[in-house]
ModelCIF file with pLDDT and N, C-alpha, C, O atoms, coordinates in Angstrom:
data_MODEL
#
_entry.id   MODEL 
#
_entity.id                         1 
_entity.type                       polymer 
_entity.pdbx_number_of_molecules   1 
#
_entity_poly.entity_id                      1 
_entity_poly.type                           'polypeptide(L)' 
_entity_poly.nstd_linkage                   no 
_entity_poly.nstd_monomer                   no 
_entity_poly.pdbx_seq_one_letter_code       IECMIITSIHNYDKGNAIPYDDTIISKDVIIEDNVWLGNRVTVLPGVR 
_entity_poly.pdbx_seq_one_letter_code_can   IECMIITSIHNYDKGNAIPYDDTIISKDVIIEDNVWLGNRVTVLPGVR 
_entity_poly.pdbx_strand_id                 A 
#
loop_
_entity_poly_seq.entity_id 
_entity_poly_seq.num 
_entity_poly_seq.mon_id 
_entity_poly_seq.hetero 
1 1  ILE n 
1 2  GLU n 
1 3  CYS n 
1 4  MET n 
1 5  ILE n 
1 6  ILE n 
1 7  THR n 
1 8  SER n 
1 9  ILE n 
1 10 HIS n 
1 11 ASN n 
1 12 TYR n 
1 13 ASP n 
1 14 LYS n 
1 15 GLY n 
1 16 ASN n 
1 17 ALA n 
1 18 ILE n 
1 19 PRO n 
1 20 TYR n 
1 21 ASP n 
1 22 ASP n 
1 23 THR n 
1 24 ILE n 
1 25 ILE n 
1 26 SER n 
1 27 LYS n 
1 28 ASP n 
1 29 VAL n 
1 30 ILE n 
1 31 ILE n 
1 32 GLU n 
1 33 ASP n 
1 34 ASN n 
1 35 VAL n 
1 36 TRP n 
1 37 LEU n 
1 38 GLY n 
1 39 ASN n 
1 40 ARG n 
1 41 VAL n 
1 42 THR n 
1 43 VAL n 
1 44 LEU n 
1 45 PRO n 
1 46 GLY n 
1 47 VAL n 
1 48 ARG n 
#
_struct_asym.id          A 
_struct_asym.entity_id   1 
#
loop_
_ma_qa_metric.id 
_ma_qa_metric.mode 
_ma_qa_metric.name 
_ma_qa_metric.software_group_id 
_ma_qa_metric.type 
1 global pLDDT . pLDDT 
2 local  pLDDT . pLDDT 
#
_ma_qa_metric_global.metric_id      1 
_ma_qa_metric_global.metric_value   95.56 
_ma_qa_metric_global.model_id       1 
_ma_qa_metric_global.ordinal_id     1 
#
loop_
_ma_qa_metric_local.label_asym_id 
_ma_qa_metric_local.label_comp_id 
_ma_qa_metric_local.label_seq_id 
_ma_qa_metric_local.metric_id 
_ma_qa_metric_local.metric_value 
_ma_qa_metric_local.model_id 
_ma_qa_metric_local.ordinal_id 
A ILE 1  2 97.00 1 1  
A GLU 2  2 97.00 1 2  
A CYS 3  2 98.00 1 3  
A MET 4  2 98.00 1 4  
A ILE 5  2 98.00 1 5  
A ILE 6  2 98.00 1 6  
A THR 7  2 98.00 1 7  
A SER 8  2 97.00 1 8  
A ILE 9  2 95.00 1 9  
A HIS 10 2 94.00 1 10 
A ASN 11 2 91.00 1 11 
A TYR 12 2 90.00 1 12 
A ASP 13 2 88.00 1 13 
A LYS 14 2 86.00 1 14 
A GLY 15 2 86.00 1 15 
A ASN 16 2 90.00 1 16 
A ALA 17 2 92.00 1 17 
A ILE 18 2 91.00 1 18 
A PRO 19 2 92.00 1 19 
A TYR 20 2 92.00 1 20 
A ASP 21 2 92.00 1 21 
A ASP 22 2 92.00 1 22 
A THR 23 2 93.00 1 23 
A ILE 24 2 94.00 1 24 
A ILE 25 2 95.00 1 25 
A SER 26 2 97.00 1 26 
A LYS 27 2 98.00 1 27 
A ASP 28 2 98.00 1 28 
A VAL 29 2 98.00 1 29 
A ILE 30 2 98.00 1 30 
A ILE 31 2 98.00 1 31 
A GLU 32 2 98.00 1 32 
A ASP 33 2 98.00 1 33 
A ASN 34 2 98.00 1 34 
A VAL 35 2 98.00 1 35 
A TRP 36 2 98.00 1 36 
A LEU 37 2 98.00 1 37 
A GLY 38 2 98.00 1 38 
A ASN 39 2 98.00 1 39 
A ARG 40 2 98.00 1 40 
A VAL 41 2 98.00 1 41 
A THR 42 2 98.00 1 42 
A VAL 43 2 98.00 1 43 
A LEU 44 2 98.00 1 44 
A PRO 45 2 98.00 1 45 
A GLY 46 2 98.00 1 46 
A VAL 47 2 98.00 1 47 
A ARG 48 2 98.00 1 48 
#
loop_
_atom_site.group_PDB 
_atom_site.id 
_atom_site.type_symbol 
_atom_site.label_atom_id 
_atom_site.label_alt_id 
_atom_site.label_comp_id 
_atom_site.label_asym_id 
_atom_site.label_entity_id 
_atom_site.label_seq_id 
_atom_site.pdbx_PDB_ins_code 
_atom_site.Cartn_x 
_atom_site.Cartn_y 
_atom_site.Cartn_z 
_atom_site.occupancy 
_atom_site.B_iso_or_equiv 
_atom_site.pdbx_formal_charge 
_atom_site.auth_seq_id 
_atom_site.auth_comp_id 
_atom_site.auth_asym_id 
_atom_site.auth_atom_id 
_atom_site.pdbx_PDB_model_num 
ATOM 1   N N  . ILE A 1 1  ? -10.503 8.954  23.170 1.00 97.00 ? 1  ILE A N  1 
ATOM 2   C CA . ILE A 1 1  ? -11.118 10.789 23.813 1.00 97.00 ? 1  ILE A CA 1 
ATOM 3   C C  . ILE A 1 1  ? -10.110 11.468 23.201 1.00 97.00 ? 1  ILE A C  1 
ATOM 4   O O  . ILE A 1 1  ? -9.165  10.960 22.596 1.00 97.00 ? 1  ILE A O  1 
ATOM 5   N N  . GLU A 1 2  ? -10.475 13.395 23.480 1.00 97.00 ? 2  GLU A N  1 
ATOM 6   C CA . GLU A 1 2  ? -9.766  13.892 23.475 1.00 97.00 ? 2  GLU A CA 1 
ATOM 7   C C  . GLU A 1 2  ? -9.047  13.801 21.202 1.00 97.00 ? 2  GLU A C  1 
ATOM 8   O O  . GLU A 1 2  ? -7.917  14.287 21.244 1.00 97.00 ? 2  GLU A O  1 
ATOM 9   N N  . CYS A 1 3  ? -9.292  13.498 20.052 1.00 98.00 ? 3  CYS A N  1 
ATOM 10  C CA . CYS A 1 3  ? -8.975  13.173 19.440 1.00 98.00 ? 3  CYS A CA 1 
ATOM 11  C C  . CYS A 1 3  ? -8.811  14.428 18.798 1.00 98.00 ? 3  CYS A C  1 
ATOM 12  O O  . CYS A 1 3  ? -9.458  15.329 19.331 1.00 98.00 ? 3  CYS A O  1 
ATOM 13  N N  . MET A 1 4  ? -7.769  14.926 17.272 1.00 98.00 ? 4  MET A N  1 
ATOM 14  C CA . MET A 1 4  ? -7.954  16.575 17.263 1.00 98.00 ? 4  MET A CA 1 
ATOM 15  C C  . MET A 1 4  ? -8.119  16.031 15.562 1.00 98.00 ? 4  MET A C  1 
ATOM 16  O O  . MET A 1 4  ? -8.144  14.803 15.647 1.00 98.00 ? 4  MET A O  1 
ATOM 17  N N  . ILE A 1 5  ? -8.210  16.328 14.451 1.00 98.00 ? 5  ILE A N  1 
ATOM 18  C CA . ILE A 1 5  ? -8.022  16.798 13.330 1.00 98.00 ? 5  ILE A CA 1 
ATOM 19  C C  . ILE A 1 5  ? -8.401  17.770 13.023 1.00 98.00 ? 5  ILE A C  1 
ATOM 20  O O  . ILE A 1 5  ? -9.443  18.282 13.434 1.00 98.00 ? 5  ILE A O  1 
ATOM 21  N N  . ILE A 1 6  ? -7.332  18.418 11.919 1.00 98.00 ? 6  ILE A N  1 
ATOM 22  C CA . ILE A 1 6  ? -7.105  20.403 11.830 1.00 98.00 ? 6  ILE A CA 1 
ATOM 23  C C  . ILE A 1 6  ? -7.232  20.073 10.576 1.00 98.00 ? 6  ILE A C  1 
ATOM 24  O O  . ILE A 1 6  ? -7.025  19.083 9.875  1.00 98.00 ? 6  ILE A O  1 
ATOM 25  N N  . THR A 1 7  ? -7.599  21.074 10.465 1.00 98.00 ? 7  THR A N  1 
ATOM 26  C CA . THR A 1 7  ? -7.704  20.936 8.591  1.00 98.00 ? 7  THR A CA 1 
ATOM 27  C C  . THR A 1 7  ? -6.922  22.988 8.262  1.00 98.00 ? 7  THR A C  1 
ATOM 28  O O  . THR A 1 7  ? -6.455  23.646 7.332  1.00 98.00 ? 7  THR A O  1 
ATOM 29  N N  . SER A 1 8  ? -7.116  23.090 9.130  1.00 97.00 ? 8  SER A N  1 
ATOM 30  C CA . SER A 1 8  ? -6.505  24.807 8.878  1.00 97.00 ? 8  SER A CA 1 
ATOM 31  C C  . SER A 1 8  ? -5.200  25.407 9.616  1.00 97.00 ? 8  SER A C  1 
ATOM 32  O O  . SER A 1 8  ? -5.243  25.438 10.846 1.00 97.00 ? 8  SER A O  1 
ATOM 33  N N  . ILE A 1 9  ? -3.978  25.913 8.926  1.00 95.00 ? 9  ILE A N  1 
ATOM 34  C CA . ILE A 1 9  ? -2.910  26.691 9.733  1.00 95.00 ? 9  ILE A CA 1 
ATOM 35  C C  . ILE A 1 9  ? -2.804  27.801 9.088  1.00 95.00 ? 9  ILE A C  1 
ATOM 36  O O  . ILE A 1 9  ? -3.198  27.890 7.925  1.00 95.00 ? 9  ILE A O  1 
ATOM 37  N N  . HIS A 1 10 ? -2.183  28.951 9.830  1.00 94.00 ? 10 HIS A N  1 
ATOM 38  C CA . HIS A 1 10 ? -1.581  30.256 9.472  1.00 94.00 ? 10 HIS A CA 1 
ATOM 39  C C  . HIS A 1 10 ? -0.820  30.227 8.700  1.00 94.00 ? 10 HIS A C  1 
ATOM 40  O O  . HIS A 1 10 ? -0.465  29.109 8.327  1.00 94.00 ? 10 HIS A O  1 
ATOM 41  N N  . ASN A 1 11 ? -0.184  31.448 8.072  1.00 91.00 ? 11 ASN A N  1 
ATOM 42  C CA . ASN A 1 11 ? 0.755   30.934 7.265  1.00 91.00 ? 11 ASN A CA 1 
ATOM 43  C C  . ASN A 1 11 ? 1.973   32.009 8.001  1.00 91.00 ? 11 ASN A C  1 
ATOM 44  O O  . ASN A 1 11 ? 2.005   33.213 8.256  1.00 91.00 ? 11 ASN A O  1 
ATOM 45  N N  . TYR A 1 12 ? 2.992   30.767 8.185  1.00 90.00 ? 12 TYR A N  1 
ATOM 46  C CA . TYR A 1 12 ? 4.046   31.825 8.654  1.00 90.00 ? 12 TYR A CA 1 
ATOM 47  C C  . TYR A 1 12 ? 5.336   32.011 7.895  1.00 90.00 ? 12 TYR A C  1 
ATOM 48  O O  . TYR A 1 12 ? 6.353   32.599 8.262  1.00 90.00 ? 12 TYR A O  1 
ATOM 49  N N  . ASP A 1 13 ? 5.045   31.292 6.583  1.00 88.00 ? 13 ASP A N  1 
ATOM 50  C CA . ASP A 1 13 ? 6.446   31.226 6.264  1.00 88.00 ? 13 ASP A CA 1 
ATOM 51  C C  . ASP A 1 13 ? 6.516   32.289 4.732  1.00 88.00 ? 13 ASP A C  1 
ATOM 52  O O  . ASP A 1 13 ? 7.611   32.508 4.214  1.00 88.00 ? 13 ASP A O  1 
ATOM 53  N N  . LYS A 1 14 ? 5.006   32.968 4.041  1.00 86.00 ? 14 LYS A N  1 
ATOM 54  C CA . LYS A 1 14 ? 5.603   33.262 3.301  1.00 86.00 ? 14 LYS A CA 1 
ATOM 55  C C  . LYS A 1 14 ? 4.215   34.661 3.007  1.00 86.00 ? 14 LYS A C  1 
ATOM 56  O O  . LYS A 1 14 ? 3.713   35.211 2.027  1.00 86.00 ? 14 LYS A O  1 
ATOM 57  N N  . GLY A 1 15 ? 4.052   34.737 4.670  1.00 86.00 ? 15 GLY A N  1 
ATOM 58  C CA . GLY A 1 15 ? 3.344   35.508 4.947  1.00 86.00 ? 15 GLY A CA 1 
ATOM 59  C C  . GLY A 1 15 ? 3.886   37.149 5.118  1.00 86.00 ? 15 GLY A C  1 
ATOM 60  O O  . GLY A 1 15 ? 5.107   37.302 5.138  1.00 86.00 ? 15 GLY A O  1 
ATOM 61  N N  . ASN A 1 16 ? 2.987   38.404 5.245  1.00 90.00 ? 16 ASN A N  1 
ATOM 62  C CA . ASN A 1 16 ? 3.552   39.812 5.275  1.00 90.00 ? 16 ASN A CA 1 
ATOM 63  C C  . ASN A 1 16 ? 3.838   40.159 6.463  1.00 90.00 ? 16 ASN A C  1 
ATOM 64  O O  . ASN A 1 16 ? 4.238   41.318 6.575  1.00 90.00 ? 16 ASN A O  1 
ATOM 65  N N  . ALA A 1 17 ? 3.715   39.045 8.148  1.00 92.00 ? 17 ALA A N  1 
ATOM 66  C CA . ALA A 1 17 ? 3.671   39.647 9.320  1.00 92.00 ? 17 ALA A CA 1 
ATOM 67  C C  . ALA A 1 17 ? 4.531   38.101 10.121 1.00 92.00 ? 17 ALA A C  1 
ATOM 68  O O  . ALA A 1 17 ? 4.514   36.904 9.836  1.00 92.00 ? 17 ALA A O  1 
ATOM 69  N N  . ILE A 1 18 ? 5.237   38.940 11.242 1.00 91.00 ? 18 ILE A N  1 
ATOM 70  C CA . ILE A 1 18 ? 5.264   37.500 11.788 1.00 91.00 ? 18 ILE A CA 1 
ATOM 71  C C  . ILE A 1 18 ? 4.887   37.569 13.520 1.00 91.00 ? 18 ILE A C  1 
ATOM 72  O O  . ILE A 1 18 ? 4.902   38.563 14.246 1.00 91.00 ? 18 ILE A O  1 
ATOM 73  N N  . PRO A 1 19 ? 4.618   36.418 13.803 1.00 92.00 ? 19 PRO A N  1 
ATOM 74  C CA . PRO A 1 19 ? 5.034   35.349 14.026 1.00 92.00 ? 19 PRO A CA 1 
ATOM 75  C C  . PRO A 1 19 ? 4.747   34.427 12.440 1.00 92.00 ? 19 PRO A C  1 
ATOM 76  O O  . PRO A 1 19 ? 5.554   33.764 11.789 1.00 92.00 ? 19 PRO A O  1 
ATOM 77  N N  . TYR A 1 20 ? 2.695   34.820 12.072 1.00 92.00 ? 20 TYR A N  1 
ATOM 78  C CA . TYR A 1 20 ? 1.998   34.533 10.914 1.00 92.00 ? 20 TYR A CA 1 
ATOM 79  C C  . TYR A 1 20 ? 1.670   35.737 10.721 1.00 92.00 ? 20 TYR A C  1 
ATOM 80  O O  . TYR A 1 20 ? 1.829   36.674 11.503 1.00 92.00 ? 20 TYR A O  1 
ATOM 81  N N  . ASP A 1 21 ? 1.100   35.758 9.447  1.00 92.00 ? 21 ASP A N  1 
ATOM 82  C CA . ASP A 1 21 ? -0.426  36.911 9.431  1.00 92.00 ? 21 ASP A CA 1 
ATOM 83  C C  . ASP A 1 21 ? -1.486  36.101 8.596  1.00 92.00 ? 21 ASP A C  1 
ATOM 84  O O  . ASP A 1 21 ? -1.471  34.913 8.275  1.00 92.00 ? 21 ASP A O  1 
ATOM 85  N N  . ASP A 1 22 ? -2.472  37.151 8.320  1.00 92.00 ? 22 ASP A N  1 
ATOM 86  C CA . ASP A 1 22 ? -4.120  36.946 8.393  1.00 92.00 ? 22 ASP A CA 1 
ATOM 87  C C  . ASP A 1 22 ? -4.487  35.567 7.657  1.00 92.00 ? 22 ASP A C  1 
ATOM 88  O O  . ASP A 1 22 ? -5.280  34.653 7.885  1.00 92.00 ? 22 ASP A O  1 
ATOM 89  N N  . THR A 1 23 ? -3.526  35.854 6.657  1.00 93.00 ? 23 THR A N  1 
ATOM 90  C CA . THR A 1 23 ? -3.639  34.409 5.481  1.00 93.00 ? 23 THR A CA 1 
ATOM 91  C C  . THR A 1 23 ? -4.068  33.011 6.572  1.00 93.00 ? 23 THR A C  1 
ATOM 92  O O  . THR A 1 23 ? -3.469  32.746 7.614  1.00 93.00 ? 23 THR A O  1 
ATOM 93  N N  . ILE A 1 24 ? -5.035  32.384 6.109  1.00 94.00 ? 24 ILE A N  1 
ATOM 94  C CA . ILE A 1 24 ? -5.591  30.607 6.289  1.00 94.00 ? 24 ILE A CA 1 
ATOM 95  C C  . ILE A 1 24 ? -5.395  30.268 5.162  1.00 94.00 ? 24 ILE A C  1 
ATOM 96  O O  . ILE A 1 24 ? -5.857  30.770 4.138  1.00 94.00 ? 24 ILE A O  1 
ATOM 97  N N  . ILE A 1 25 ? -4.345  28.954 5.331  1.00 95.00 ? 25 ILE A N  1 
ATOM 98  C CA . ILE A 1 25 ? -4.243  27.835 4.316  1.00 95.00 ? 25 ILE A CA 1 
ATOM 99  C C  . ILE A 1 25 ? -4.568  26.104 5.070  1.00 95.00 ? 25 ILE A C  1 
ATOM 100 O O  . ILE A 1 25 ? -3.989  25.321 5.822  1.00 95.00 ? 25 ILE A O  1 
ATOM 101 N N  . SER A 1 26 ? -5.681  26.174 4.405  1.00 97.00 ? 26 SER A N  1 
ATOM 102 C CA . SER A 1 26 ? -6.475  24.905 4.431  1.00 97.00 ? 26 SER A CA 1 
ATOM 103 C C  . SER A 1 26 ? -6.094  23.913 3.583  1.00 97.00 ? 26 SER A C  1 
ATOM 104 O O  . SER A 1 26 ? -5.822  24.038 2.389  1.00 97.00 ? 26 SER A O  1 
ATOM 105 N N  . LYS A 1 27 ? -6.082  22.674 4.404  1.00 98.00 ? 27 LYS A N  1 
ATOM 106 C CA . LYS A 1 27 ? -6.502  21.221 2.861  1.00 98.00 ? 27 LYS A CA 1 
ATOM 107 C C  . LYS A 1 27 ? -7.245  19.935 4.206  1.00 98.00 ? 27 LYS A C  1 
ATOM 108 O O  . LYS A 1 27 ? -7.250  19.901 5.436  1.00 98.00 ? 27 LYS A O  1 
ATOM 109 N N  . ASP A 1 28 ? -7.634  19.294 3.413  1.00 98.00 ? 28 ASP A N  1 
ATOM 110 C CA . ASP A 1 28 ? -8.363  18.567 2.910  1.00 98.00 ? 28 ASP A CA 1 
ATOM 111 C C  . ASP A 1 28 ? -8.065  17.656 4.395  1.00 98.00 ? 28 ASP A C  1 
ATOM 112 O O  . ASP A 1 28 ? -6.976  17.916 4.907  1.00 98.00 ? 28 ASP A O  1 
ATOM 113 N N  . VAL A 1 29 ? -8.824  16.742 5.041  1.00 98.00 ? 29 VAL A N  1 
ATOM 114 C CA . VAL A 1 29 ? -8.218  15.231 5.928  1.00 98.00 ? 29 VAL A CA 1 
ATOM 115 C C  . VAL A 1 29 ? -9.361  14.248 5.611  1.00 98.00 ? 29 VAL A C  1 
ATOM 116 O O  . VAL A 1 29 ? -10.533 14.253 5.989  1.00 98.00 ? 29 VAL A O  1 
ATOM 117 N N  . ILE A 1 30 ? -8.459  13.118 4.540  1.00 98.00 ? 30 ILE A N  1 
ATOM 118 C CA . ILE A 1 30 ? -9.278  11.985 4.454  1.00 98.00 ? 30 ILE A CA 1 
ATOM 119 C C  . ILE A 1 30 ? -8.599  10.826 5.085  1.00 98.00 ? 30 ILE A C  1 
ATOM 120 O O  . ILE A 1 30 ? -7.411  10.506 5.112  1.00 98.00 ? 30 ILE A O  1 
ATOM 121 N N  . ILE A 1 31 ? -10.127 10.046 5.800  1.00 98.00 ? 31 ILE A N  1 
ATOM 122 C CA . ILE A 1 31 ? -9.588  9.261  6.749  1.00 98.00 ? 31 ILE A CA 1 
ATOM 123 C C  . ILE A 1 31 ? -10.643 7.958  6.008  1.00 98.00 ? 31 ILE A C  1 
ATOM 124 O O  . ILE A 1 31 ? -11.811 8.149  5.666  1.00 98.00 ? 31 ILE A O  1 
ATOM 125 N N  . GLU A 1 32 ? -10.000 6.830  5.896  1.00 98.00 ? 32 GLU A N  1 
ATOM 126 C CA . GLU A 1 32 ? -10.536 6.162  5.628  1.00 98.00 ? 32 GLU A CA 1 
ATOM 127 C C  . GLU A 1 32 ? -11.129 4.593  5.998  1.00 98.00 ? 32 GLU A C  1 
ATOM 128 O O  . GLU A 1 32 ? -10.410 4.017  6.816  1.00 98.00 ? 32 GLU A O  1 
ATOM 129 N N  . ASP A 1 33 ? -12.003 4.013  5.657  1.00 98.00 ? 33 ASP A N  1 
ATOM 130 C CA . ASP A 1 33 ? -12.531 2.782  5.908  1.00 98.00 ? 33 ASP A CA 1 
ATOM 131 C C  . ASP A 1 33 ? -11.789 1.928  7.370  1.00 98.00 ? 33 ASP A C  1 
ATOM 132 O O  . ASP A 1 33 ? -10.607 1.585  7.401  1.00 98.00 ? 33 ASP A O  1 
ATOM 133 N N  . ASN A 1 34 ? -12.667 1.729  8.371  1.00 98.00 ? 34 ASN A N  1 
ATOM 134 C CA . ASN A 1 34 ? -11.624 0.913  9.467  1.00 98.00 ? 34 ASN A CA 1 
ATOM 135 C C  . ASN A 1 34 ? -10.749 1.644  10.021 1.00 98.00 ? 34 ASN A C  1 
ATOM 136 O O  . ASN A 1 34 ? -9.670  1.218  10.434 1.00 98.00 ? 34 ASN A O  1 
ATOM 137 N N  . VAL A 1 35 ? -11.083 2.672  10.076 1.00 98.00 ? 35 VAL A N  1 
ATOM 138 C CA . VAL A 1 35 ? -9.528  2.885  10.940 1.00 98.00 ? 35 VAL A CA 1 
ATOM 139 C C  . VAL A 1 35 ? -9.608  3.560  12.521 1.00 98.00 ? 35 VAL A C  1 
ATOM 140 O O  . VAL A 1 35 ? -10.388 4.471  12.802 1.00 98.00 ? 35 VAL A O  1 
ATOM 141 N N  . TRP A 1 36 ? -9.020  3.178  13.120 1.00 98.00 ? 36 TRP A N  1 
ATOM 142 C CA . TRP A 1 36 ? -9.185  3.425  14.782 1.00 98.00 ? 36 TRP A CA 1 
ATOM 143 C C  . TRP A 1 36 ? -7.929  4.527  14.935 1.00 98.00 ? 36 TRP A C  1 
ATOM 144 O O  . TRP A 1 36 ? -6.824  4.544  14.393 1.00 98.00 ? 36 TRP A O  1 
ATOM 145 N N  . LEU A 1 37 ? -8.545  5.423  15.882 1.00 98.00 ? 37 LEU A N  1 
ATOM 146 C CA . LEU A 1 37 ? -7.390  6.641  16.654 1.00 98.00 ? 37 LEU A CA 1 
ATOM 147 C C  . LEU A 1 37 ? -7.878  6.426  17.968 1.00 98.00 ? 37 LEU A C  1 
ATOM 148 O O  . LEU A 1 37 ? -8.980  6.401  18.516 1.00 98.00 ? 37 LEU A O  1 
ATOM 149 N N  . GLY A 1 38 ? -6.238  6.223  18.415 1.00 98.00 ? 38 GLY A N  1 
ATOM 150 C CA . GLY A 1 38 ? -6.330  6.233  20.209 1.00 98.00 ? 38 GLY A CA 1 
ATOM 151 C C  . GLY A 1 38 ? -6.835  7.024  20.830 1.00 98.00 ? 38 GLY A C  1 
ATOM 152 O O  . GLY A 1 38 ? -7.579  7.697  20.117 1.00 98.00 ? 38 GLY A O  1 
ATOM 153 N N  . ASN A 1 39 ? -6.835  7.401  22.073 1.00 98.00 ? 39 ASN A N  1 
ATOM 154 C CA . ASN A 1 39 ? -7.020  9.080  22.775 1.00 98.00 ? 39 ASN A CA 1 
ATOM 155 C C  . ASN A 1 39 ? -5.951  9.780  22.041 1.00 98.00 ? 39 ASN A C  1 
ATOM 156 O O  . ASN A 1 39 ? -4.908  9.305  21.590 1.00 98.00 ? 39 ASN A O  1 
ATOM 157 N N  . ARG A 1 40 ? -6.425  11.089 21.997 1.00 98.00 ? 40 ARG A N  1 
ATOM 158 C CA . ARG A 1 40 ? -5.572  11.951 22.043 1.00 98.00 ? 40 ARG A CA 1 
ATOM 159 C C  . ARG A 1 40 ? -4.572  12.498 20.793 1.00 98.00 ? 40 ARG A C  1 
ATOM 160 O O  . ARG A 1 40 ? -3.520  13.131 20.886 1.00 98.00 ? 40 ARG A O  1 
ATOM 161 N N  . VAL A 1 41 ? -5.303  12.009 19.563 1.00 98.00 ? 41 VAL A N  1 
ATOM 162 C CA . VAL A 1 41 ? -4.352  12.053 18.611 1.00 98.00 ? 41 VAL A CA 1 
ATOM 163 C C  . VAL A 1 41 ? -4.973  12.396 17.839 1.00 98.00 ? 41 VAL A C  1 
ATOM 164 O O  . VAL A 1 41 ? -6.115  12.160 17.446 1.00 98.00 ? 41 VAL A O  1 
ATOM 165 N N  . THR A 1 42 ? -3.396  13.634 17.307 1.00 98.00 ? 42 THR A N  1 
ATOM 166 C CA . THR A 1 42 ? -4.177  14.905 16.611 1.00 98.00 ? 42 THR A CA 1 
ATOM 167 C C  . THR A 1 42 ? -3.578  14.457 14.723 1.00 98.00 ? 42 THR A C  1 
ATOM 168 O O  . THR A 1 42 ? -2.456  14.007 14.494 1.00 98.00 ? 42 THR A O  1 
ATOM 169 N N  . VAL A 1 43 ? -4.568  14.710 13.696 1.00 98.00 ? 43 VAL A N  1 
ATOM 170 C CA . VAL A 1 43 ? -4.145  14.581 12.546 1.00 98.00 ? 43 VAL A CA 1 
ATOM 171 C C  . VAL A 1 43 ? -4.718  16.166 12.189 1.00 98.00 ? 43 VAL A C  1 
ATOM 172 O O  . VAL A 1 43 ? -5.766  16.756 12.453 1.00 98.00 ? 43 VAL A O  1 
ATOM 173 N N  . LEU A 1 44 ? -3.121  16.631 11.244 1.00 98.00 ? 44 LEU A N  1 
ATOM 174 C CA . LEU A 1 44 ? -2.691  18.018 11.329 1.00 98.00 ? 44 LEU A CA 1 
ATOM 175 C C  . LEU A 1 44 ? -3.153  18.019 9.530  1.00 98.00 ? 44 LEU A C  1 
ATOM 176 O O  . LEU A 1 44 ? -3.199  16.895 9.030  1.00 98.00 ? 44 LEU A O  1 
ATOM 177 N N  . PRO A 1 45 ? -3.509  19.320 8.515  1.00 98.00 ? 45 PRO A N  1 
ATOM 178 C CA . PRO A 1 45 ? -3.721  19.362 7.505  1.00 98.00 ? 45 PRO A CA 1 
ATOM 179 C C  . PRO A 1 45 ? -3.451  18.743 6.688  1.00 98.00 ? 45 PRO A C  1 
ATOM 180 O O  . PRO A 1 45 ? -2.361  18.270 7.009  1.00 98.00 ? 45 PRO A O  1 
ATOM 181 N N  . GLY A 1 46 ? -3.772  18.307 5.566  1.00 98.00 ? 46 GLY A N  1 
ATOM 182 C CA . GLY A 1 46 ? -3.473  17.089 4.508  1.00 98.00 ? 46 GLY A CA 1 
ATOM 183 C C  . GLY A 1 46 ? -3.096  15.647 4.211  1.00 98.00 ? 46 GLY A C  1 
ATOM 184 O O  . GLY A 1 46 ? -2.758  15.018 3.208  1.00 98.00 ? 46 GLY A O  1 
ATOM 185 N N  . VAL A 1 47 ? -3.338  15.326 5.786  1.00 98.00 ? 47 VAL A N  1 
ATOM 186 C CA . VAL A 1 47 ? -3.159  14.015 6.022  1.00 98.00 ? 47 VAL A CA 1 
ATOM 187 C C  . VAL A 1 47 ? -3.737  12.909 5.017  1.00 98.00 ? 47 VAL A C  1 
ATOM 188 O O  . VAL A 1 47 ? -4.730  13.514 4.612  1.00 98.00 ? 47 VAL A O  1 
ATOM 189 N N  . ARG A 1 48 ? -3.750  11.818 4.434  1.00 98.00 ? 48 ARG A N  1 
ATOM 190 C CA . ARG A 1 48 ? -4.315  10.265 4.521  1.00 98.00 ? 48 ARG A CA 1 
ATOM 191 C C  . ARG A 1 48 ? -4.325  9.560  5.028  1.00 98.00 ? 48 ARG A C  1 
ATOM 192 O O  . ARG A 1 48 ? -4.916  8.545  4.663  1.00 98.00 ? 48 ARG A O  1 
#
């Protein structure tokens, strides 16, 4: 229950404003066969 996969983050490092600018950085998430995520697992962008 309550798992989350996030594929986009705000540009906080090289942007033109703080804490972040309007740029969105997106990265793919790949989860292969036979994977089990327990309750409240969060997977961040770019993870396999």
